[in-house]
């Protein structure tokens, strides 16, 4: 079962780290790395 758990864990962990839409919708004032990437690539104009 370990390979299946590992595969699922890789999916959920990596997808969560890169997500920023959910944080914008239900995260309130909280920020995650995806939000910082979005802000700096857009409004802050610091690619």
ModelCIF file with pLDDT and N, C-alpha, C, O atoms, coordinates in Angstrom:
data_MODEL
#
_entry.id   MODEL 
#
_entity.id                         1 
_entity.type                       polymer 
_entity.pdbx_number_of_molecules   1 
#
_entity_poly.entity_id                      1 
_entity_poly.type                           'polypeptide(L)' 
_entity_poly.nstd_linkage                   no 
_entity_poly.nstd_monomer                   no 
_entity_poly.pdbx_seq_one_letter_code       
;(UNK)(UNK)(UNK)(UNK)(UNK)(UNK)(UNK)(UNK)(UNK)(UNK)(UNK)(UNK)(UNK)(UNK)(UNK)(UNK)
(UNK)(UNK)(UNK)(UNK)(UNK)(UNK)(UNK)(UNK)(UNK)(UNK)(UNK)(UNK)(UNK)(UNK)(UNK)(UNK)
(UNK)(UNK)(UNK)(UNK)(UNK)(UNK)(UNK)(UNK)(UNK)(UNK)(UNK)(UNK)(UNK)(UNK)(UNK)
;
_entity_poly.pdbx_seq_one_letter_code_can   XXXXXXXXXXXXXXXXXXXXXXXXXXXXXXXXXXXXXXXXXXXXXXX 
_entity_poly.pdbx_strand_id                 A 
#
loop_
_entity_poly_seq.entity_id 
_entity_poly_seq.num 
_entity_poly_seq.mon_id 
_entity_poly_seq.hetero 
1 1  UNK n 
1 2  UNK n 
1 3  UNK n 
1 4  UNK n 
1 5  UNK n 
1 6  UNK n 
1 7  UNK n 
1 8  UNK n 
1 9  UNK n 
1 10 UNK n 
1 11 UNK n 
1 12 UNK n 
1 13 UNK n 
1 14 UNK n 
1 15 UNK n 
1 16 UNK n 
1 17 UNK n 
1 18 UNK n 
1 19 UNK n 
1 20 UNK n 
1 21 UNK n 
1 22 UNK n 
1 23 UNK n 
1 24 UNK n 
1 25 UNK n 
1 26 UNK n 
1 27 UNK n 
1 28 UNK n 
1 29 UNK n 
1 30 UNK n 
1 31 UNK n 
1 32 UNK n 
1 33 UNK n 
1 34 UNK n 
1 35 UNK n 
1 36 UNK n 
1 37 UNK n 
1 38 UNK n 
1 39 UNK n 
1 40 UNK n 
1 41 UNK n 
1 42 UNK n 
1 43 UNK n 
1 44 UNK n 
1 45 UNK n 
1 46 UNK n 
1 47 UNK n 
#
_struct_asym.id          A 
_struct_asym.entity_id   1 
#
loop_
_ma_qa_metric.id 
_ma_qa_metric.mode 
_ma_qa_metric.name 
_ma_qa_metric.software_group_id 
_ma_qa_metric.type 
1 global pLDDT . pLDDT 
2 local  pLDDT . pLDDT 
#
_ma_qa_metric_global.metric_id      1 
_ma_qa_metric_global.metric_value   90.21 
_ma_qa_metric_global.model_id       1 
_ma_qa_metric_global.ordinal_id     1 
#
loop_
_ma_qa_metric_local.label_asym_id 
_ma_qa_metric_local.label_comp_id 
_ma_qa_metric_local.label_seq_id 
_ma_qa_metric_local.metric_id 
_ma_qa_metric_local.metric_value 
_ma_qa_metric_local.model_id 
_ma_qa_metric_local.ordinal_id 
A UNK 1  2 86.00 1 1  
A UNK 2  2 86.00 1 2  
A UNK 3  2 85.00 1 3  
A UNK 4  2 89.00 1 4  
A UNK 5  2 91.00 1 5  
A UNK 6  2 91.00 1 6  
A UNK 7  2 89.00 1 7  
A UNK 8  2 92.00 1 8  
A UNK 9  2 93.00 1 9  
A UNK 10 2 92.00 1 10 
A UNK 11 2 91.00 1 11 
A UNK 12 2 94.00 1 12 
A UNK 13 2 95.00 1 13 
A UNK 14 2 92.00 1 14 
A UNK 15 2 93.00 1 15 
A UNK 16 2 95.00 1 16 
A UNK 17 2 93.00 1 17 
A UNK 18 2 90.00 1 18 
A UNK 19 2 92.00 1 19 
A UNK 20 2 91.00 1 20 
A UNK 21 2 92.00 1 21 
A UNK 22 2 94.00 1 22 
A UNK 23 2 94.00 1 23 
A UNK 24 2 93.00 1 24 
A UNK 25 2 94.00 1 25 
A UNK 26 2 94.00 1 26 
A UNK 27 2 92.00 1 27 
A UNK 28 2 87.00 1 28 
A UNK 29 2 84.00 1 29 
A UNK 30 2 87.00 1 30 
A UNK 31 2 90.00 1 31 
A UNK 32 2 94.00 1 32 
A UNK 33 2 94.00 1 33 
A UNK 34 2 92.00 1 34 
A UNK 35 2 92.00 1 35 
A UNK 36 2 93.00 1 36 
A UNK 37 2 94.00 1 37 
A UNK 38 2 92.00 1 38 
A UNK 39 2 91.00 1 39 
A UNK 40 2 91.00 1 40 
A UNK 41 2 88.00 1 41 
A UNK 42 2 81.00 1 42 
A UNK 43 2 76.00 1 43 
A UNK 44 2 76.00 1 44 
A UNK 45 2 83.00 1 45 
A UNK 46 2 91.00 1 46 
A UNK 47 2 91.00 1 47 
#
loop_
_atom_site.group_PDB 
_atom_site.id 
_atom_site.type_symbol 
_atom_site.label_atom_id 
_atom_site.label_alt_id 
_atom_site.label_comp_id 
_atom_site.label_asym_id 
_atom_site.label_entity_id 
_atom_site.label_seq_id 
_atom_site.pdbx_PDB_ins_code 
_atom_site.Cartn_x 
_atom_site.Cartn_y 
_atom_site.Cartn_z 
_atom_site.occupancy 
_atom_site.B_iso_or_equiv 
_atom_site.pdbx_formal_charge 
_atom_site.auth_seq_id 
_atom_site.auth_comp_id 
_atom_site.auth_asym_id 
_atom_site.auth_atom_id 
_atom_site.pdbx_PDB_model_num 
ATOM 1   N N  . UNK A 1 1  ? 0.810   -1.214 0.000   1.00 86.00 ? 1  UNK A N  1 
ATOM 2   C CA . UNK A 1 1  ? 0.000   0.000  0.000   1.00 86.00 ? 1  UNK A CA 1 
ATOM 3   C C  . UNK A 1 1  ? 0.844   1.266  0.000   1.00 86.00 ? 1  UNK A C  1 
ATOM 4   O O  . UNK A 1 1  ? 0.379   2.322  -0.429  1.00 86.00 ? 1  UNK A O  1 
ATOM 5   N N  . UNK A 1 2  ? 2.077   1.170  0.475   1.00 86.00 ? 2  UNK A N  1 
ATOM 6   C CA . UNK A 1 2  ? 2.931   2.356  0.607   1.00 86.00 ? 2  UNK A CA 1 
ATOM 7   C C  . UNK A 1 2  ? 3.078   3.145  -0.696  1.00 86.00 ? 2  UNK A C  1 
ATOM 8   O O  . UNK A 1 2  ? 2.967   4.370  -0.663  1.00 86.00 ? 2  UNK A O  1 
ATOM 9   N N  . UNK A 1 3  ? 3.325   2.495  -1.852  1.00 85.00 ? 3  UNK A N  1 
ATOM 10  C CA . UNK A 1 3  ? 3.444   3.286  -3.078  1.00 85.00 ? 3  UNK A CA 1 
ATOM 11  C C  . UNK A 1 3  ? 2.202   4.107  -3.392  1.00 85.00 ? 3  UNK A C  1 
ATOM 12  O O  . UNK A 1 3  ? 2.319   5.242  -3.853  1.00 85.00 ? 3  UNK A O  1 
ATOM 13  N N  . UNK A 1 4  ? 1.010   3.557  -3.152  1.00 89.00 ? 4  UNK A N  1 
ATOM 14  C CA . UNK A 1 4  ? -0.212  4.301  -3.392  1.00 89.00 ? 4  UNK A CA 1 
ATOM 15  C C  . UNK A 1 4  ? -0.348  5.484  -2.457  1.00 89.00 ? 4  UNK A C  1 
ATOM 16  O O  . UNK A 1 4  ? -0.762  6.565  -2.875  1.00 89.00 ? 4  UNK A O  1 
ATOM 17  N N  . UNK A 1 5  ? 0.000   5.286  -1.185  1.00 91.00 ? 5  UNK A N  1 
ATOM 18  C CA . UNK A 1 5  ? -0.050  6.390  -0.228  1.00 91.00 ? 5  UNK A CA 1 
ATOM 19  C C  . UNK A 1 5  ? 0.950   7.471  -0.613  1.00 91.00 ? 5  UNK A C  1 
ATOM 20  O O  . UNK A 1 5  ? 0.650   8.662  -0.533  1.00 91.00 ? 5  UNK A O  1 
ATOM 21  N N  . UNK A 1 6  ? 2.143   7.048  -1.031  1.00 91.00 ? 6  UNK A N  1 
ATOM 22  C CA . UNK A 1 6  ? 3.173   8.002  -1.440  1.00 91.00 ? 6  UNK A CA 1 
ATOM 23  C C  . UNK A 1 6  ? 2.696   8.816  -2.636  1.00 91.00 ? 6  UNK A C  1 
ATOM 24  O O  . UNK A 1 6  ? 2.852   10.036 -2.664  1.00 91.00 ? 6  UNK A O  1 
ATOM 25  N N  . UNK A 1 7  ? 2.115   8.141  -3.623  1.00 89.00 ? 7  UNK A N  1 
ATOM 26  C CA . UNK A 1 7  ? 1.627   8.847  -4.808  1.00 89.00 ? 7  UNK A CA 1 
ATOM 27  C C  . UNK A 1 7  ? 0.557   9.861  -4.431  1.00 89.00 ? 7  UNK A C  1 
ATOM 28  O O  . UNK A 1 7  ? 0.602   11.006 -4.882  1.00 89.00 ? 7  UNK A O  1 
ATOM 29  N N  . UNK A 1 8  ? -0.413  9.448  -3.599  1.00 92.00 ? 8  UNK A N  1 
ATOM 30  C CA . UNK A 1 8  ? -1.461  10.370 -3.182  1.00 92.00 ? 8  UNK A CA 1 
ATOM 31  C C  . UNK A 1 8  ? -0.919  11.528 -2.369  1.00 92.00 ? 8  UNK A C  1 
ATOM 32  O O  . UNK A 1 8  ? -1.363  12.665 -2.528  1.00 92.00 ? 8  UNK A O  1 
ATOM 33  N N  . UNK A 1 9  ? 0.047   11.241 -1.491  1.00 93.00 ? 9  UNK A N  1 
ATOM 34  C CA . UNK A 1 9  ? 0.631   12.293 -0.672  1.00 93.00 ? 9  UNK A CA 1 
ATOM 35  C C  . UNK A 1 9  ? 1.394   13.299 -1.523  1.00 93.00 ? 9  UNK A C  1 
ATOM 36  O O  . UNK A 1 9  ? 1.338   14.501 -1.262  1.00 93.00 ? 9  UNK A O  1 
ATOM 37  N N  . UNK A 1 10 ? 2.104   12.819 -2.537  1.00 92.00 ? 10 UNK A N  1 
ATOM 38  C CA . UNK A 1 10 ? 2.821   13.725 -3.434  1.00 92.00 ? 10 UNK A CA 1 
ATOM 39  C C  . UNK A 1 10 ? 1.842   14.658 -4.133  1.00 92.00 ? 10 UNK A C  1 
ATOM 40  O O  . UNK A 1 10 ? 2.083   15.860 -4.242  1.00 92.00 ? 10 UNK A O  1 
ATOM 41  N N  . UNK A 1 11 ? 0.735   14.091 -4.607  1.00 91.00 ? 11 UNK A N  1 
ATOM 42  C CA . UNK A 1 11 ? -0.282  14.912 -5.279  1.00 91.00 ? 11 UNK A CA 1 
ATOM 43  C C  . UNK A 1 11 ? -0.806  15.998 -4.343  1.00 91.00 ? 11 UNK A C  1 
ATOM 44  O O  . UNK A 1 11 ? -0.753  17.183 -4.676  1.00 91.00 ? 11 UNK A O  1 
ATOM 45  N N  . UNK A 1 12 ? -1.312  15.600 -3.173  1.00 94.00 ? 12 UNK A N  1 
ATOM 46  C CA . UNK A 1 12 ? -1.958  16.565 -2.292  1.00 94.00 ? 12 UNK A CA 1 
ATOM 47  C C  . UNK A 1 12 ? -0.965  17.595 -1.758  1.00 94.00 ? 12 UNK A C  1 
ATOM 48  O O  . UNK A 1 12 ? -1.297  18.777 -1.665  1.00 94.00 ? 12 UNK A O  1 
ATOM 49  N N  . UNK A 1 13 ? 0.251   17.165 -1.405  1.00 95.00 ? 13 UNK A N  1 
ATOM 50  C CA . UNK A 1 13 ? 1.223   18.088 -0.830  1.00 95.00 ? 13 UNK A CA 1 
ATOM 51  C C  . UNK A 1 13 ? 1.698   19.112 -1.863  1.00 95.00 ? 13 UNK A C  1 
ATOM 52  O O  . UNK A 1 13 ? 1.716   20.313 -1.592  1.00 95.00 ? 13 UNK A O  1 
ATOM 53  N N  . UNK A 1 14 ? 2.078   18.634 -3.040  1.00 92.00 ? 14 UNK A N  1 
ATOM 54  C CA . UNK A 1 14 ? 2.607   19.553 -4.054  1.00 92.00 ? 14 UNK A CA 1 
ATOM 55  C C  . UNK A 1 14 ? 1.519   20.479 -4.587  1.00 92.00 ? 14 UNK A C  1 
ATOM 56  O O  . UNK A 1 14 ? 1.774   21.662 -4.814  1.00 92.00 ? 14 UNK A O  1 
ATOM 57  N N  . UNK A 1 15 ? 0.311   19.958 -4.790  1.00 93.00 ? 15 UNK A N  1 
ATOM 58  C CA . UNK A 1 15 ? -0.779  20.800 -5.291  1.00 93.00 ? 15 UNK A CA 1 
ATOM 59  C C  . UNK A 1 15 ? -1.167  21.862 -4.275  1.00 93.00 ? 15 UNK A C  1 
ATOM 60  O O  . UNK A 1 15 ? -1.487  22.988 -4.654  1.00 93.00 ? 15 UNK A O  1 
ATOM 61  N N  . UNK A 1 16 ? -1.143  21.524 -2.999  1.00 95.00 ? 16 UNK A N  1 
ATOM 62  C CA . UNK A 1 16 ? -1.475  22.513 -1.970  1.00 95.00 ? 16 UNK A CA 1 
ATOM 63  C C  . UNK A 1 16 ? -0.418  23.602 -1.892  1.00 95.00 ? 16 UNK A C  1 
ATOM 64  O O  . UNK A 1 16 ? -0.752  24.779 -1.752  1.00 95.00 ? 16 UNK A O  1 
ATOM 65  N N  . UNK A 1 17 ? 0.848   23.230 -1.980  1.00 93.00 ? 17 UNK A N  1 
ATOM 66  C CA . UNK A 1 17 ? 1.913   24.232 -1.902  1.00 93.00 ? 17 UNK A CA 1 
ATOM 67  C C  . UNK A 1 17 ? 1.817   25.254 -3.027  1.00 93.00 ? 17 UNK A C  1 
ATOM 68  O O  . UNK A 1 17 ? 2.134   26.426 -2.824  1.00 93.00 ? 17 UNK A O  1 
ATOM 69  N N  . UNK A 1 18 ? 1.385   24.829 -4.204  1.00 90.00 ? 18 UNK A N  1 
ATOM 70  C CA . UNK A 1 18 ? 1.349   25.738 -5.336  1.00 90.00 ? 18 UNK A CA 1 
ATOM 71  C C  . UNK A 1 18 ? 0.040   26.479 -5.506  1.00 90.00 ? 18 UNK A C  1 
ATOM 72  O O  . UNK A 1 18 ? -0.080  27.320 -6.398  1.00 90.00 ? 18 UNK A O  1 
ATOM 73  N N  . UNK A 1 19 ? -0.950  26.186 -4.666  1.00 92.00 ? 19 UNK A N  1 
ATOM 74  C CA . UNK A 1 19 ? -2.271  26.782 -4.843  1.00 92.00 ? 19 UNK A CA 1 
ATOM 75  C C  . UNK A 1 19 ? -2.339  28.179 -4.229  1.00 92.00 ? 19 UNK A C  1 
ATOM 76  O O  . UNK A 1 19 ? -1.716  28.443 -3.201  1.00 92.00 ? 19 UNK A O  1 
ATOM 77  N N  . UNK A 1 20 ? -3.094  29.068 -4.862  1.00 91.00 ? 20 UNK A N  1 
ATOM 78  C CA . UNK A 1 20 ? -3.317  30.394 -4.290  1.00 91.00 ? 20 UNK A CA 1 
ATOM 79  C C  . UNK A 1 20 ? -4.773  30.833 -4.412  1.00 91.00 ? 20 UNK A C  1 
ATOM 80  O O  . UNK A 1 20 ? -5.188  31.782 -3.747  1.00 91.00 ? 20 UNK A O  1 
ATOM 81  N N  . UNK A 1 21 ? -5.554  30.154 -5.254  1.00 92.00 ? 21 UNK A N  1 
ATOM 82  C CA . UNK A 1 21 ? -6.940  30.567 -5.476  1.00 92.00 ? 21 UNK A CA 1 
ATOM 83  C C  . UNK A 1 21 ? -7.779  30.296 -4.231  1.00 92.00 ? 21 UNK A C  1 
ATOM 84  O O  . UNK A 1 21 ? -8.543  31.159 -3.798  1.00 92.00 ? 21 UNK A O  1 
ATOM 85  N N  . UNK A 1 22 ? -7.641  29.100 -3.653  1.00 94.00 ? 22 UNK A N  1 
ATOM 86  C CA . UNK A 1 22 ? -8.419  28.761 -2.464  1.00 94.00 ? 22 UNK A CA 1 
ATOM 87  C C  . UNK A 1 22 ? -8.129  29.729 -1.327  1.00 94.00 ? 22 UNK A C  1 
ATOM 88  O O  . UNK A 1 22 ? -9.041  30.134 -0.607  1.00 94.00 ? 22 UNK A O  1 
ATOM 89  N N  . UNK A 1 23 ? -6.869  30.099 -1.162  1.00 94.00 ? 23 UNK A N  1 
ATOM 90  C CA . UNK A 1 23 ? -6.496  31.021 -0.086  1.00 94.00 ? 23 UNK A CA 1 
ATOM 91  C C  . UNK A 1 23 ? -7.166  32.369 -0.298  1.00 94.00 ? 23 UNK A C  1 
ATOM 92  O O  . UNK A 1 23 ? -7.613  32.994 0.663   1.00 94.00 ? 23 UNK A O  1 
ATOM 93  N N  . UNK A 1 24 ? -7.240  32.823 -1.534  1.00 93.00 ? 24 UNK A N  1 
ATOM 94  C CA . UNK A 1 24 ? -7.909  34.090 -1.824  1.00 93.00 ? 24 UNK A CA 1 
ATOM 95  C C  . UNK A 1 24 ? -9.408  34.023 -1.550  1.00 93.00 ? 24 UNK A C  1 
ATOM 96  O O  . UNK A 1 24 ? -10.019 35.029 -1.191  1.00 93.00 ? 24 UNK A O  1 
ATOM 97  N N  . UNK A 1 25 ? -10.003 32.842 -1.718  1.00 94.00 ? 25 UNK A N  1 
ATOM 98  C CA . UNK A 1 25 ? -11.458 32.716 -1.600  1.00 94.00 ? 25 UNK A CA 1 
ATOM 99  C C  . UNK A 1 25 ? -11.887 32.488 -0.156  1.00 94.00 ? 25 UNK A C  1 
ATOM 100 O O  . UNK A 1 25 ? -12.835 33.124 0.304   1.00 94.00 ? 25 UNK A O  1 
ATOM 101 N N  . UNK A 1 26 ? -11.208 31.590 0.575   1.00 94.00 ? 26 UNK A N  1 
ATOM 102 C CA . UNK A 1 26 ? -11.650 31.253 1.938   1.00 94.00 ? 26 UNK A CA 1 
ATOM 103 C C  . UNK A 1 26 ? -10.577 31.512 2.988   1.00 94.00 ? 26 UNK A C  1 
ATOM 104 O O  . UNK A 1 26 ? -10.808 31.260 4.171   1.00 94.00 ? 26 UNK A O  1 
ATOM 105 N N  . UNK A 1 27 ? -9.420  32.005 2.590   1.00 92.00 ? 27 UNK A N  1 
ATOM 106 C CA . UNK A 1 27 ? -8.321  32.159 3.539   1.00 92.00 ? 27 UNK A CA 1 
ATOM 107 C C  . UNK A 1 27 ? -8.340  33.405 4.375   1.00 92.00 ? 27 UNK A C  1 
ATOM 108 O O  . UNK A 1 27 ? -7.513  33.551 5.275   1.00 92.00 ? 27 UNK A O  1 
ATOM 109 N N  . UNK A 1 28 ? -9.265  34.320 4.107   1.00 87.00 ? 28 UNK A N  1 
ATOM 110 C CA . UNK A 1 28 ? -9.286  35.565 4.858   1.00 87.00 ? 28 UNK A CA 1 
ATOM 111 C C  . UNK A 1 28 ? -8.026  36.369 4.619   1.00 87.00 ? 28 UNK A C  1 
ATOM 112 O O  . UNK A 1 28 ? -7.648  36.623 3.476   1.00 87.00 ? 28 UNK A O  1 
ATOM 113 N N  . UNK A 1 29 ? -7.370  36.773 5.711   1.00 84.00 ? 29 UNK A N  1 
ATOM 114 C CA . UNK A 1 29 ? -6.140  37.567 5.597   1.00 84.00 ? 29 UNK A CA 1 
ATOM 115 C C  . UNK A 1 29 ? -4.895  36.708 5.467   1.00 84.00 ? 29 UNK A C  1 
ATOM 116 O O  . UNK A 1 29 ? -3.791  37.236 5.333   1.00 84.00 ? 29 UNK A O  1 
ATOM 117 N N  . UNK A 1 30 ? -5.056  35.395 5.505   1.00 87.00 ? 30 UNK A N  1 
ATOM 118 C CA . UNK A 1 30 ? -3.896  34.505 5.439   1.00 87.00 ? 30 UNK A CA 1 
ATOM 119 C C  . UNK A 1 30 ? -3.281  34.524 4.041   1.00 87.00 ? 30 UNK A C  1 
ATOM 120 O O  . UNK A 1 30 ? -3.977  34.708 3.042   1.00 87.00 ? 30 UNK A O  1 
ATOM 121 N N  . UNK A 1 31 ? -1.986  34.334 3.994   1.00 90.00 ? 31 UNK A N  1 
ATOM 122 C CA . UNK A 1 31 ? -1.256  34.256 2.731   1.00 90.00 ? 31 UNK A CA 1 
ATOM 123 C C  . UNK A 1 31 ? -0.404  33.003 2.695   1.00 90.00 ? 31 UNK A C  1 
ATOM 124 O O  . UNK A 1 31 ? 0.086   32.525 3.718   1.00 90.00 ? 31 UNK A O  1 
ATOM 125 N N  . UNK A 1 32 ? -0.241  32.479 1.468   1.00 94.00 ? 32 UNK A N  1 
ATOM 126 C CA . UNK A 1 32 ? 0.653   31.351 1.252   1.00 94.00 ? 32 UNK A CA 1 
ATOM 127 C C  . UNK A 1 32 ? 1.586   31.707 0.105   1.00 94.00 ? 32 UNK A C  1 
ATOM 128 O O  . UNK A 1 32 ? 1.463   32.775 -0.496  1.00 94.00 ? 32 UNK A O  1 
ATOM 129 N N  . UNK A 1 33 ? 2.516   30.814 -0.198  1.00 94.00 ? 33 UNK A N  1 
ATOM 130 C CA . UNK A 1 33 ? 3.531   31.124 -1.206  1.00 94.00 ? 33 UNK A CA 1 
ATOM 131 C C  . UNK A 1 33 ? 2.914   31.464 -2.553  1.00 94.00 ? 33 UNK A C  1 
ATOM 132 O O  . UNK A 1 33 ? 3.387   32.365 -3.245  1.00 94.00 ? 33 UNK A O  1 
ATOM 133 N N  . UNK A 1 34 ? 1.856   30.743 -2.929  1.00 92.00 ? 34 UNK A N  1 
ATOM 134 C CA . UNK A 1 34 ? 1.204   31.022 -4.207  1.00 92.00 ? 34 UNK A CA 1 
ATOM 135 C C  . UNK A 1 34 ? 0.691   32.442 -4.303  1.00 92.00 ? 34 UNK A C  1 
ATOM 136 O O  . UNK A 1 34 ? 0.756   33.058 -5.367  1.00 92.00 ? 34 UNK A O  1 
ATOM 137 N N  . UNK A 1 35 ? 0.172   32.976 -3.181  1.00 92.00 ? 35 UNK A N  1 
ATOM 138 C CA . UNK A 1 35 ? -0.307  34.353 -3.175  1.00 92.00 ? 35 UNK A CA 1 
ATOM 139 C C  . UNK A 1 35 ? 0.831   35.343 -3.395  1.00 92.00 ? 35 UNK A C  1 
ATOM 140 O O  . UNK A 1 35 ? 0.684   36.329 -4.118  1.00 92.00 ? 35 UNK A O  1 
ATOM 141 N N  . UNK A 1 36 ? 1.969   35.064 -2.758  1.00 93.00 ? 36 UNK A N  1 
ATOM 142 C CA . UNK A 1 36 ? 3.120   35.963 -2.924  1.00 93.00 ? 36 UNK A CA 1 
ATOM 143 C C  . UNK A 1 36 ? 3.630   35.941 -4.358  1.00 93.00 ? 36 UNK A C  1 
ATOM 144 O O  . UNK A 1 36 ? 4.020   36.979 -4.892  1.00 93.00 ? 36 UNK A O  1 
ATOM 145 N N  . UNK A 1 37 ? 3.632   34.771 -4.985  1.00 94.00 ? 37 UNK A N  1 
ATOM 146 C CA . UNK A 1 37 ? 4.035   34.683 -6.389  1.00 94.00 ? 37 UNK A CA 1 
ATOM 147 C C  . UNK A 1 37 ? 3.088   35.496 -7.250  1.00 94.00 ? 37 UNK A C  1 
ATOM 148 O O  . UNK A 1 37 ? 3.527   36.257 -8.112  1.00 94.00 ? 37 UNK A O  1 
ATOM 149 N N  . UNK A 1 38 ? 1.798   35.342 -7.025  1.00 92.00 ? 38 UNK A N  1 
ATOM 150 C CA . UNK A 1 38 ? 0.785   36.049 -7.815  1.00 92.00 ? 38 UNK A CA 1 
ATOM 151 C C  . UNK A 1 38 ? 0.921   37.561 -7.665  1.00 92.00 ? 38 UNK A C  1 
ATOM 152 O O  . UNK A 1 38 ? 0.875   38.292 -8.655  1.00 92.00 ? 38 UNK A O  1 
ATOM 153 N N  . UNK A 1 39 ? 1.089   38.028 -6.434  1.00 91.00 ? 39 UNK A N  1 
ATOM 154 C CA . UNK A 1 39 ? 1.175   39.467 -6.189  1.00 91.00 ? 39 UNK A CA 1 
ATOM 155 C C  . UNK A 1 39 ? 2.439   40.049 -6.810  1.00 91.00 ? 39 UNK A C  1 
ATOM 156 O O  . UNK A 1 39 ? 2.387   41.100 -7.449  1.00 91.00 ? 39 UNK A O  1 
ATOM 157 N N  . UNK A 1 40 ? 3.573   39.376 -6.629  1.00 91.00 ? 40 UNK A N  1 
ATOM 158 C CA . UNK A 1 40 ? 4.827   39.914 -7.160  1.00 91.00 ? 40 UNK A CA 1 
ATOM 159 C C  . UNK A 1 40 ? 4.904   39.837 -8.674  1.00 91.00 ? 40 UNK A C  1 
ATOM 160 O O  . UNK A 1 40 ? 5.533   40.684 -9.308  1.00 91.00 ? 40 UNK A O  1 
ATOM 161 N N  . UNK A 1 41 ? 4.267   38.824 -9.263  1.00 88.00 ? 41 UNK A N  1 
ATOM 162 C CA . UNK A 1 41 ? 4.267   38.730 -10.723 1.00 88.00 ? 41 UNK A CA 1 
ATOM 163 C C  . UNK A 1 41 ? 3.263   39.685 -11.346 1.00 88.00 ? 41 UNK A C  1 
ATOM 164 O O  . UNK A 1 41 ? 3.346   39.971 -12.540 1.00 88.00 ? 41 UNK A O  1 
ATOM 165 N N  . UNK A 1 42 ? 2.312   40.187 -10.556 1.00 81.00 ? 42 UNK A N  1 
ATOM 166 C CA . UNK A 1 42 ? 1.277   41.065 -11.085 1.00 81.00 ? 42 UNK A CA 1 
ATOM 167 C C  . UNK A 1 42 ? 1.405   42.482 -10.579 1.00 81.00 ? 42 UNK A C  1 
ATOM 168 O O  . UNK A 1 42 ? 2.126   43.295 -11.158 1.00 81.00 ? 42 UNK A O  1 
ATOM 169 N N  . UNK A 1 43 ? 0.699   42.780 -9.487  1.00 76.00 ? 43 UNK A N  1 
ATOM 170 C CA . UNK A 1 43 ? 0.607   44.154 -8.999  1.00 76.00 ? 43 UNK A CA 1 
ATOM 171 C C  . UNK A 1 43 ? 1.966   44.733 -8.616  1.00 76.00 ? 43 UNK A C  1 
ATOM 172 O O  . UNK A 1 43 ? 2.248   45.893 -8.915  1.00 76.00 ? 43 UNK A O  1 
ATOM 173 N N  . UNK A 1 44 ? 2.814   43.937 -7.955  1.00 76.00 ? 44 UNK A N  1 
ATOM 174 C CA . UNK A 1 44 ? 4.114   44.451 -7.522  1.00 76.00 ? 44 UNK A CA 1 
ATOM 175 C C  . UNK A 1 44 ? 5.112   44.574 -8.669  1.00 76.00 ? 44 UNK A C  1 
ATOM 176 O O  . UNK A 1 44 ? 6.123   45.263 -8.532  1.00 76.00 ? 44 UNK A O  1 
ATOM 177 N N  . UNK A 1 45 ? 4.848   43.926 -9.782  1.00 83.00 ? 45 UNK A N  1 
ATOM 178 C CA . UNK A 1 45 ? 5.700   43.992 -10.978 1.00 83.00 ? 45 UNK A CA 1 
ATOM 179 C C  . UNK A 1 45 ? 7.150   43.642 -10.656 1.00 83.00 ? 45 UNK A C  1 
ATOM 180 O O  . UNK A 1 45 ? 8.082   44.308 -11.106 1.00 83.00 ? 45 UNK A O  1 
ATOM 181 N N  . UNK A 1 46 ? 7.315   42.585 -9.870  1.00 91.00 ? 46 UNK A N  1 
ATOM 182 C CA . UNK A 1 46 ? 8.660   42.123 -9.509  1.00 91.00 ? 46 UNK A CA 1 
ATOM 183 C C  . UNK A 1 46 ? 8.760   40.651 -9.894  1.00 91.00 ? 46 UNK A C  1 
ATOM 184 O O  . UNK A 1 46 ? 8.695   39.766 -9.040  1.00 91.00 ? 46 UNK A O  1 
ATOM 185 N N  . UNK A 1 47 ? 8.920   40.407 -11.181 1.00 91.00 ? 47 UNK A N  1 
ATOM 186 C CA . UNK A 1 47 ? 8.968   39.036 -11.687 1.00 91.00 ? 47 UNK A CA 1 
ATOM 187 C C  . UNK A 1 47 ? 10.152  38.246 -11.135 1.00 91.00 ? 47 UNK A C  1 
ATOM 188 O O  . UNK A 1 47 ? 10.323  37.074 -11.473 1.00 91.00 ? 47 UNK A O  1 
#
